[in-house]
Amino acid sequence: MCDLPPFEKDIDLRKTGIPIREAVAKCPKLKEFTTGQNKIDLGNPAALRTYNSCLFYLLRKLKITIPEGFLIPTAGLRLAVTDIIWKKAWSLFPPTSSSPIWGVEVGIGATAINSLLLAQKGVQMIGTEIDSESIFWARKNIEQNHLQERIKIIESKGKILQGLDIPPQASFVFTFPPYYEASASHLVYKDRGFQGRYSELVAGETGLDFTFHFLSEAKKLRIPYAFVVLDSLTLAKRALLYGSELDWRTSWIRFRAGTRKRYLVYGRSVS
């Protein structure tokens, strides 16, 4: 096994949010989920949905509906990841009035939050999605933020990139992929903590099937950048090494929020 590179960045997500006391003052509907110590019960999905919806509005003025039973995007991580993707793409392809940056999100999800954050920056986004209910909610979120002209949704019908109408001028593709093994499908629809639908959580027998196909197809389509976010150091290492085997120029970034860690693995085309 080859040596792994050091983290390009190591980001503390606790510095990117808003203190709970301040969030409650600015978003009164959070009060019903707080305790006397200004803490929020983060094991309560309703509290998580409300808290993160409030943060997206307070930090980016985005109105986000997070439907019950779907994956709940954490604001700090999504803001940090999309900022990095934007900066990487901009450094290679500075946008002009006649030639904007194009990007593709594989698995736009019910909130469409990642595509919305990038569309706010002027990126023309294509979002793919396999789940029809997720498409319904994603369109509602896009419409209530008036970004229909910058985000197009494609029903993927089980495809990842190949065989879909991916614009040839796409500067990057990215995904927050499913990464649980098929044997972990009992995690779907939990009453406490995070929730998610089967298509949002389960990625085949190994947990990396989806990610490997994503990186391979992005390479075949000659897309300059491919980004994938994983929540396990083991999975991130394997994705990093697989990208190197495909001749991507790979790197990774770690995000920390207390004891929880996430990893952004990305490849840049060397050709």
Foldseek 3Di string as FASTA:
>chain_A
DDDADDAPAEAELVVVFDQLVVLCVVQVVLVVQADPVSDGQQFAVVNLQSSQQSGCCVPPVARWDDDPQAFRDHNSVLLVVLVVVVVVLCVVPPADPVRAAEEEEEACFQGVVNQVSNVVVVYQYEYEHQDPNSVVNNVVRCVVRPSPVRYHYDHQVPPGPPPDPDDLRHQEYEYAAAQDAPVPQVQAPDRTHTHHDCRRHYDYHHSCNNVLVNLLVCVVSVHFKYKYKAFDPVSLVVSQVSNVVSVFPKHKYWYDHPPGIMMIIMGGHPD
